Amino acid sequence: MTLDWSVIWQFRQELLSGTLLTIALTAITMVIAVPGGILLALMRLSPSRILSTLSLCFVELFRNLPIILVVYWAFYVMPVLLNIEFSAFTTGLIALCLNVSAYNAEAFRAGINSIRIGQTNAGLALGLSRWQVMRKIILPQAARRVLPVVASTWVSLFKDTSLVSVIAVGELAHTALQIRSQTFRVLEVLTAMAAIYWLLGYPQAKFVDWIQRKFEVKE
C-alpha cells in the first residue's frame, strides 16, 4: 500500500475552512446554550407550575434524544411543520443549541440546588428580594460550581459538531469526507481529520482539567 500525504497539503485550505467552521459552530452554540440553560433552570425552579412544566418537558425531550435525530428532525421536519426553511448551517446550529441547552439547564439547576438554604434565608433576612438573592448570592456561586461541567460540555460539543455534517454543513468532518471521495485517499484524509481534532481537543481537555482543580468546591 502506497501512502500519499501530499493530498493533505493540497487541500489545506479546505481543511482549514472546515476547522474554522467547526470552531464557529461550537462557540456560537455555547453563546446561545449557556444563557438558554440558565433560563430553563430558573423556569424549572420557578413557583409557576406552567413555567416549571414547560422547562421540564423541553429538557426531558431534548436531553433524551440523540443529537443526530434532532439534526435530522430540524432539517427535514421543521420546514414542513413551520413552513420555514433555514440554511444547513443554521439548522445544525438550532439542533445543537436545543440539545446543549437542555444539558446546561440540568447542570445549572443542580448548581443552584447545591447552595444551602441558609444563604437564601440570610439574604431575605437582610431585606433582599428573592430575585436579588438569586442574582447576588445564588447564581454567582452556582456558576462557579457548574463551570467545570460547562467546560466539559464545550469539549464534548466540539466533537459532536461533526454530526451536522450529515446535512452538508461544511465543517471539518464533512470537508474531510468530501476530500476523501475526490481523492480516494481514505487513510491519509481520515488520519489527518483525527489529528486535527486531537490537536484542537487535547489542549482544551487539559484546560478543563485545570478549571476543575481551580474551581473545585469543597463543603
C-alpha atoms as a PDB file:
ATOM      1  CA  MET A   1       0.000   0.000   0.000  1.00  0.00           C
ATOM      2  CA  THR A   2       1.375   3.381  -1.075  1.00  0.00           C
ATOM      3  CA  LEU A   3       0.577   6.397   1.063  1.00  0.00           C
ATOM      4  CA  ASP A   4       0.356   9.915  -0.343  1.00  0.00           C
ATOM      5  CA  TRP A   5       0.326  12.516   2.403  1.00  0.00           C
ATOM      6  CA  SER A   6       0.719  15.358  -0.099  1.00  0.00           C
ATOM      7  CA  VAL A   7      -3.063  15.279  -0.507  1.00  0.00           C
ATOM      8  CA  ILE A   8      -3.370  16.904   2.923  1.00  0.00           C
ATOM      9  CA  TRP A   9      -1.217  19.861   1.866  1.00  0.00           C
ATOM     10  CA  GLN A  10      -3.040  20.056  -1.452  1.00  0.00           C
ATOM     11  CA  PHE A  11      -6.385  20.502   0.325  1.00  0.00           C
ATOM     12  CA  ARG A  12      -5.066  22.512   3.279  1.00  0.00           C
ATOM     13  CA  GLN A  13      -7.361  25.479   2.594  1.00  0.00           C
ATOM     14  CA  GLU A  14     -10.463  23.303   2.599  1.00  0.00           C
ATOM     15  CA  LEU A  15      -9.395  21.584   5.822  1.00  0.00           C
ATOM     16  CA  LEU A  16      -8.649  24.942   7.435  1.00  0.00           C
ATOM     17  CA  SER A  17     -12.069  26.300   6.417  1.00  0.00           C
ATOM     18  CA  GLY A  18     -13.785  23.205   7.815  1.00  0.00           C
ATOM     19  CA  THR A  19     -11.835  23.516  11.063  1.00  0.00           C
ATOM     20  CA  LEU A  20     -12.769  27.188  11.473  1.00  0.00           C
ATOM     21  CA  LEU A  21     -16.422  26.349  10.814  1.00  0.00           C
ATOM     22  CA  THR A  22     -16.269  23.631  13.483  1.00  0.00           C
ATOM     23  CA  ILE A  23     -14.887  26.141  15.987  1.00  0.00           C
ATOM     24  CA  ALA A  24     -17.536  28.708  14.992  1.00  0.00           C
ATOM     25  CA  LEU A  25     -20.350  26.176  15.439  1.00  0.00           C
ATOM     26  CA  THR A  26     -19.069  25.248  18.888  1.00  0.00           C
ATOM     27  CA  ALA A  27     -18.592  28.843  20.036  1.00  0.00           C
ATOM     28  CA  ILE A  28     -21.951  30.123  18.763  1.00  0.00           C
ATOM     29  CA  THR A  29     -23.767  27.124  20.239  1.00  0.00           C
ATOM     30  CA  MET A  30     -22.303  27.766  23.688  1.00  0.00           C
ATOM     31  CA  VAL A  31     -23.004  31.517  23.473  1.00  0.00           C
ATOM     32  CA  ILE A  32     -26.678  30.638  22.975  1.00  0.00           C
ATOM     33  CA  ALA A  33     -26.910  27.483  25.098  1.00  0.00           C
ATOM     34  CA  VAL A  34     -25.364  28.886  28.303  1.00  0.00           C
ATOM     35  CA  PRO A  35     -27.947  31.671  28.828  1.00  0.00           C
ATOM     36  CA  GLY A  36     -30.565  29.293  27.431  1.00  0.00           C
ATOM     37  CA  GLY A  37     -29.634  26.730  30.070  1.00  0.00           C
ATOM     38  CA  ILE A  38     -29.771  29.352  32.830  1.00  0.00           C
ATOM     39  CA  LEU A  39     -33.215  30.465  31.682  1.00  0.00           C
ATOM     40  CA  LEU A  40     -34.505  26.892  31.569  1.00  0.00           C
ATOM     41  CA  ALA A  41     -33.063  26.188  35.028  1.00  0.00           C
ATOM     42  CA  LEU A  42     -34.769  29.270  36.504  1.00  0.00           C
ATOM     43  CA  MET A  43     -38.033  28.273  34.821  1.00  0.00           C
ATOM     44  CA  ARG A  44     -37.735  24.758  36.281  1.00  0.00           C
ATOM     45  CA  LEU A  45     -37.215  26.215  39.757  1.00  0.00           C
ATOM     46  CA  SER A  46     -39.983  28.780  39.332  1.00  0.00           C
ATOM     47  CA  PRO A  47     -43.032  28.574  41.642  1.00  0.00           C
ATOM     48  CA  SER A  48     -45.127  28.866  38.481  1.00  0.00           C
ATOM     49  CA  ARG A  49     -46.327  25.379  37.558  1.00  0.00           C
ATOM     50  CA  ILE A  50     -46.694  26.399  33.910  1.00  0.00           C
ATOM     51  CA  LEU A  51     -43.088  27.608  33.591  1.00  0.00           C
ATOM     52  CA  SER A  52     -41.768  24.642  35.530  1.00  0.00           C
ATOM     53  CA  THR A  53     -43.680  22.162  33.376  1.00  0.00           C
ATOM     54  CA  LEU A  54     -42.602  23.812  30.120  1.00  0.00           C
ATOM     55  CA  SER A  55     -38.960  23.664  31.176  1.00  0.00           C
ATOM     56  CA  LEU A  56     -39.315  20.057  32.330  1.00  0.00           C
ATOM     57  CA  CYS A  57     -40.851  18.981  29.004  1.00  0.00           C
ATOM     58  CA  PHE A  58     -38.167  20.786  26.986  1.00  0.00           C
ATOM     59  CA  VAL A  59     -35.271  19.359  28.988  1.00  0.00           C
ATOM     60  CA  GLU A  60     -36.583  15.799  29.128  1.00  0.00           C
ATOM     61  CA  LEU A  61     -37.330  15.829  25.393  1.00  0.00           C
ATOM     62  CA  PHE A  62     -34.027  17.115  24.061  1.00  0.00           C
ATOM     63  CA  ARG A  63     -31.795  15.600  26.739  1.00  0.00           C
ATOM     64  CA  ASN A  64     -33.035  12.107  25.883  1.00  0.00           C
ATOM     65  CA  LEU A  65     -32.929  12.340  22.091  1.00  0.00           C
ATOM     66  CA  PRO A  66     -29.741  11.575  20.137  1.00  0.00           C
ATOM     67  CA  ILE A  67     -28.297  14.761  18.640  1.00  0.00           C
ATOM     68  CA  ILE A  68     -28.239  13.143  15.202  1.00  0.00           C
ATOM     69  CA  LEU A  69     -32.007  12.625  15.392  1.00  0.00           C
ATOM     70  CA  VAL A  70     -32.548  16.252  16.445  1.00  0.00           C
ATOM     71  CA  VAL A  71     -30.402  17.371  13.487  1.00  0.00           C
ATOM     72  CA  TYR A  72     -32.444  15.299  11.049  1.00  0.00           C
ATOM     73  CA  TRP A  73     -35.714  16.484  12.625  1.00  0.00           C
ATOM     74  CA  ALA A  74     -34.696  20.136  12.398  1.00  0.00           C
ATOM     75  CA  PHE A  75     -33.532  19.763   8.793  1.00  0.00           C
ATOM     76  CA  TYR A  76     -36.339  17.659   7.350  1.00  0.00           C
ATOM     77  CA  VAL A  77     -39.376  18.070   9.643  1.00  0.00           C
ATOM     78  CA  MET A  78     -39.185  21.654  10.911  1.00  0.00           C
ATOM     79  CA  PRO A  79     -39.527  23.229   7.439  1.00  0.00           C
ATOM     80  CA  VAL A  80     -42.651  21.142   6.802  1.00  0.00           C
ATOM     81  CA  LEU A  81     -44.291  21.884  10.163  1.00  0.00           C
ATOM     82  CA  LEU A  82     -43.387  25.566  10.409  1.00  0.00           C
ATOM     83  CA  ASN A  83     -43.088  26.340   6.701  1.00  0.00           C
ATOM     84  CA  ILE A  84     -39.730  27.953   7.453  1.00  0.00           C
ATOM     85  CA  GLU A  85     -36.597  26.831   5.687  1.00  0.00           C
ATOM     86  CA  PHE A  86     -33.167  27.608   7.116  1.00  0.00           C
ATOM     87  CA  SER A  87     -29.709  27.041   5.691  1.00  0.00           C
ATOM     88  CA  ALA A  88     -27.923  23.823   6.615  1.00  0.00           C
ATOM     89  CA  PHE A  89     -25.608  25.747   8.956  1.00  0.00           C
ATOM     90  CA  THR A  90     -28.492  27.456  10.768  1.00  0.00           C
ATOM     91  CA  THR A  91     -30.404  24.190  11.023  1.00  0.00           C
ATOM     92  CA  GLY A  92     -27.414  22.412  12.527  1.00  0.00           C
ATOM     93  CA  LEU A  93     -26.885  25.286  14.930  1.00  0.00           C
ATOM     94  CA  ILE A  94     -30.516  25.161  16.083  1.00  0.00           C
ATOM     95  CA  ALA A  95     -30.305  21.416  16.710  1.00  0.00           C
ATOM     96  CA  LEU A  96     -27.083  21.733  18.703  1.00  0.00           C
ATOM     97  CA  CYS A  97     -28.474  24.639  20.756  1.00  0.00           C
ATOM     98  CA  LEU A  98     -31.612  22.699  21.656  1.00  0.00           C
ATOM     99  CA  ASN A  99     -29.625  19.708  22.849  1.00  0.00           C
ATOM    100  CA  VAL A 100     -26.888  21.562  24.721  1.00  0.00           C
ATOM    101  CA  SER A 101     -29.344  23.996  26.358  1.00  0.00           C
ATOM    102  CA  ALA A 102     -31.162  21.009  27.859  1.00  0.00           C
ATOM    103  CA  TYR A 103     -27.932  19.624  29.324  1.00  0.00           C
ATOM    104  CA  ASN A 104     -26.823  23.042  30.565  1.00  0.00           C
ATOM    105  CA  ALA A 105     -30.213  23.546  32.229  1.00  0.00           C
ATOM    106  CA  GLU A 106     -29.746  20.459  34.373  1.00  0.00           C
ATOM    107  CA  ALA A 107     -26.192  21.472  35.240  1.00  0.00           C
ATOM    108  CA  PHE A 108     -27.289  24.939  36.359  1.00  0.00           C
ATOM    109  CA  ARG A 109     -30.299  23.568  38.236  1.00  0.00           C
ATOM    110  CA  ALA A 110     -28.020  21.196  40.142  1.00  0.00           C
ATOM    111  CA  GLY A 111     -25.657  24.067  40.882  1.00  0.00           C
ATOM    112  CA  ILE A 112     -28.460  26.278  42.199  1.00  0.00           C
ATOM    113  CA  ASN A 113     -29.911  23.473  44.311  1.00  0.00           C
ATOM    114  CA  SER A 114     -26.493  22.813  45.843  1.00  0.00           C
ATOM    115  CA  ILE A 115     -26.480  26.244  47.526  1.00  0.00           C
ATOM    116  CA  ARG A 116     -27.547  25.863  51.140  1.00  0.00           C
ATOM    117  CA  ILE A 117     -30.969  27.234  52.020  1.00  0.00           C
ATOM    118  CA  GLY A 118     -29.417  29.151  54.910  1.00  0.00           C
ATOM    119  CA  GLN A 119     -27.797  31.574  52.458  1.00  0.00           C
ATOM    120  CA  THR A 120     -31.150  32.309  50.886  1.00  0.00           C
ATOM    121  CA  ASN A 121     -32.735  32.871  54.276  1.00  0.00           C
ATOM    122  CA  ALA A 122     -29.867  35.150  55.312  1.00  0.00           C
ATOM    123  CA  GLY A 123     -30.326  37.256  52.189  1.00  0.00           C
ATOM    124  CA  LEU A 124     -34.056  37.529  52.763  1.00  0.00           C
ATOM    125  CA  ALA A 125     -33.431  38.486  56.395  1.00  0.00           C
ATOM    126  CA  LEU A 126     -31.219  41.341  55.200  1.00  0.00           C
ATOM    127  CA  GLY A 127     -34.125  42.719  53.202  1.00  0.00           C
ATOM    128  CA  LEU A 128     -33.232  41.418  49.762  1.00  0.00           C
ATOM    129  CA  SER A 129     -35.999  40.267  47.439  1.00  0.00           C
ATOM    130  CA  ARG A 130     -35.973  36.687  46.196  1.00  0.00           C
ATOM    131  CA  TRP A 131     -34.768  37.877  42.781  1.00  0.00           C
ATOM    132  CA  GLN A 132     -31.936  39.863  44.405  1.00  0.00           C
ATOM    133  CA  VAL A 133     -30.941  36.823  46.450  1.00  0.00           C
ATOM    134  CA  MET A 134     -30.931  34.726  43.286  1.00  0.00           C
ATOM    135  CA  ARG A 135     -28.911  37.303  41.326  1.00  0.00           C
ATOM    136  CA  LYS A 136     -26.426  38.354  44.004  1.00  0.00           C
ATOM    137  CA  ILE A 137     -25.968  35.217  46.101  1.00  0.00           C
ATOM    138  CA  ILE A 138     -27.208  32.059  44.400  1.00  0.00           C
ATOM    139  CA  LEU A 139     -26.267  32.484  40.720  1.00  0.00           C
ATOM    140  CA  PRO A 140     -22.638  33.597  41.289  1.00  0.00           C
ATOM    141  CA  GLN A 141     -21.972  30.563  43.494  1.00  0.00           C
ATOM    142  CA  ALA A 142     -23.867  28.233  41.165  1.00  0.00           C
ATOM    143  CA  ALA A 143     -21.847  29.498  38.193  1.00  0.00           C
ATOM    144  CA  ARG A 144     -18.615  28.657  39.987  1.00  0.00           C
ATOM    145  CA  ARG A 145     -19.862  25.165  40.789  1.00  0.00           C
ATOM    146  CA  VAL A 146     -21.060  24.355  37.269  1.00  0.00           C
ATOM    147  CA  LEU A 147     -18.149  25.959  35.387  1.00  0.00           C
ATOM    148  CA  PRO A 148     -16.186  22.675  35.182  1.00  0.00           C
ATOM    149  CA  VAL A 149     -19.290  20.895  33.878  1.00  0.00           C
ATOM    150  CA  VAL A 150     -19.936  23.570  31.240  1.00  0.00           C
ATOM    151  CA  ALA A 151     -16.270  23.453  30.216  1.00  0.00           C
ATOM    152  CA  SER A 152     -16.505  19.686  29.761  1.00  0.00           C
ATOM    153  CA  THR A 153     -19.649  20.203  27.688  1.00  0.00           C
ATOM    154  CA  TRP A 154     -17.646  22.548  25.456  1.00  0.00           C
ATOM    155  CA  VAL A 155     -15.040  19.852  24.757  1.00  0.00           C
ATOM    156  CA  SER A 156     -17.737  17.267  24.086  1.00  0.00           C
ATOM    157  CA  LEU A 157     -19.644  19.665  21.839  1.00  0.00           C
ATOM    158  CA  PHE A 158     -16.505  20.399  19.850  1.00  0.00           C
ATOM    159  CA  LYS A 159     -16.521  16.770  18.694  1.00  0.00           C
ATOM    160  CA  ASP A 160     -20.310  16.482  18.413  1.00  0.00           C
ATOM    161  CA  THR A 161     -20.461  19.295  15.849  1.00  0.00           C
ATOM    162  CA  SER A 162     -19.301  16.672  13.346  1.00  0.00           C
ATOM    163  CA  LEU A 163     -22.836  15.249  13.462  1.00  0.00           C
ATOM    164  CA  VAL A 164     -24.172  18.188  11.455  1.00  0.00           C
ATOM    165  CA  SER A 165     -22.029  17.028   8.528  1.00  0.00           C
ATOM    166  CA  VAL A 166     -24.918  14.701   7.607  1.00  0.00           C
ATOM    167  CA  ILE A 167     -26.914  17.717   6.361  1.00  0.00           C
ATOM    168  CA  ALA A 168     -23.995  19.094   4.328  1.00  0.00           C
ATOM    169  CA  VAL A 169     -22.668  21.612   6.826  1.00  0.00           C
ATOM    170  CA  GLY A 170     -19.128  22.052   5.593  1.00  0.00           C
ATOM    171  CA  GLU A 171     -17.296  21.694   8.898  1.00  0.00           C
ATOM    172  CA  LEU A 172     -14.186  19.579   9.395  1.00  0.00           C
ATOM    173  CA  ALA A 173     -15.791  16.123   9.175  1.00  0.00           C
ATOM    174  CA  HIS A 174     -17.875  16.982   6.102  1.00  0.00           C
ATOM    175  CA  THR A 175     -14.905  18.614   4.363  1.00  0.00           C
ATOM    176  CA  ALA A 176     -12.646  15.654   5.077  1.00  0.00           C
ATOM    177  CA  LEU A 177     -15.220  13.201   3.719  1.00  0.00           C
ATOM    178  CA  GLN A 178     -15.567  15.279   0.558  1.00  0.00           C
ATOM    179  CA  ILE A 179     -11.799  15.273   0.070  1.00  0.00           C
ATOM    180  CA  ARG A 180     -11.750  11.522   0.654  1.00  0.00           C
ATOM    181  CA  SER A 181     -14.382  10.966  -2.045  1.00  0.00           C
ATOM    182  CA  GLN A 182     -12.463  13.141  -4.508  1.00  0.00           C
ATOM    183  CA  THR A 183      -9.003  11.683  -3.929  1.00  0.00           C
ATOM    184  CA  PHE A 184      -9.777   8.121  -2.789  1.00  0.00           C
ATOM    185  CA  ARG A 185      -7.085   8.609  -0.115  1.00  0.00           C
ATOM    186  CA  VAL A 186      -9.101   7.200   2.764  1.00  0.00           C
ATOM    187  CA  LEU A 187      -6.348   6.506   5.295  1.00  0.00           C
ATOM    188  CA  GLU A 188      -4.487   9.769   4.791  1.00  0.00           C
ATOM    189  CA  VAL A 189      -7.550  12.021   4.910  1.00  0.00           C
ATOM    190  CA  LEU A 190      -9.240  10.352   7.886  1.00  0.00           C
ATOM    191  CA  THR A 191      -5.932  10.272   9.781  1.00  0.00           C
ATOM    192  CA  ALA A 192      -5.472  13.985   9.115  1.00  0.00           C
ATOM    193  CA  MET A 193      -9.022  14.667  10.313  1.00  0.00           C
ATOM    194  CA  ALA A 194      -8.393  12.705  13.521  1.00  0.00           C
ATOM    195  CA  ALA A 195      -5.087  14.523  14.060  1.00  0.00           C
ATOM    196  CA  ILE A 196      -6.719  17.951  13.665  1.00  0.00           C
ATOM    197  CA  TYR A 197      -9.479  17.061  16.121  1.00  0.00           C
ATOM    198  CA  TRP A 198      -6.904  15.761  18.596  1.00  0.00           C
ATOM    199  CA  LEU A 199      -4.596  18.775  18.269  1.00  0.00           C
ATOM    200  CA  LEU A 200      -7.508  21.106  18.916  1.00  0.00           C
ATOM    201  CA  GLY A 201      -9.214  18.971  21.563  1.00  0.00           C
ATOM    202  CA  TYR A 202      -6.268  17.929  23.733  1.00  0.00           C
ATOM    203  CA  PRO A 203      -5.316  21.455  24.923  1.00  0.00           C
ATOM    204  CA  GLN A 204      -8.985  22.110  25.652  1.00  0.00           C
ATOM    205  CA  ALA A 205      -9.234  18.914  27.702  1.00  0.00           C
ATOM    206  CA  LYS A 206      -6.146  19.921  29.709  1.00  0.00           C
ATOM    207  CA  PHE A 207      -7.665  23.370  30.248  1.00  0.00           C
ATOM    208  CA  VAL A 208     -10.838  21.736  31.563  1.00  0.00           C
ATOM    209  CA  ASP A 209      -8.724  19.685  33.975  1.00  0.00           C
ATOM    210  CA  TRP A 210      -7.184  22.930  35.252  1.00  0.00           C
ATOM    211  CA  ILE A 211     -10.642  24.515  35.653  1.00  0.00           C
ATOM    212  CA  GLN A 212     -11.830  21.518  37.649  1.00  0.00           C
ATOM    213  CA  ARG A 213      -8.868  21.829  40.017  1.00  0.00           C
ATOM    214  CA  LYS A 214      -9.119  25.610  40.235  1.00  0.00           C
ATOM    215  CA  PHE A 215     -12.854  25.859  40.853  1.00  0.00           C
ATOM    216  CA  GLU A 216     -13.427  22.672  42.802  1.00  0.00           C
ATOM    217  CA  VAL A 217     -15.928  23.351  45.562  1.00  0.00           C
ATOM    218  CA  LYS A 218     -15.320  21.609  48.881  1.00  0.00           C
ATOM    219  CA  GLU A 219     -18.004  21.794  51.525  1.00  0.00           C
END
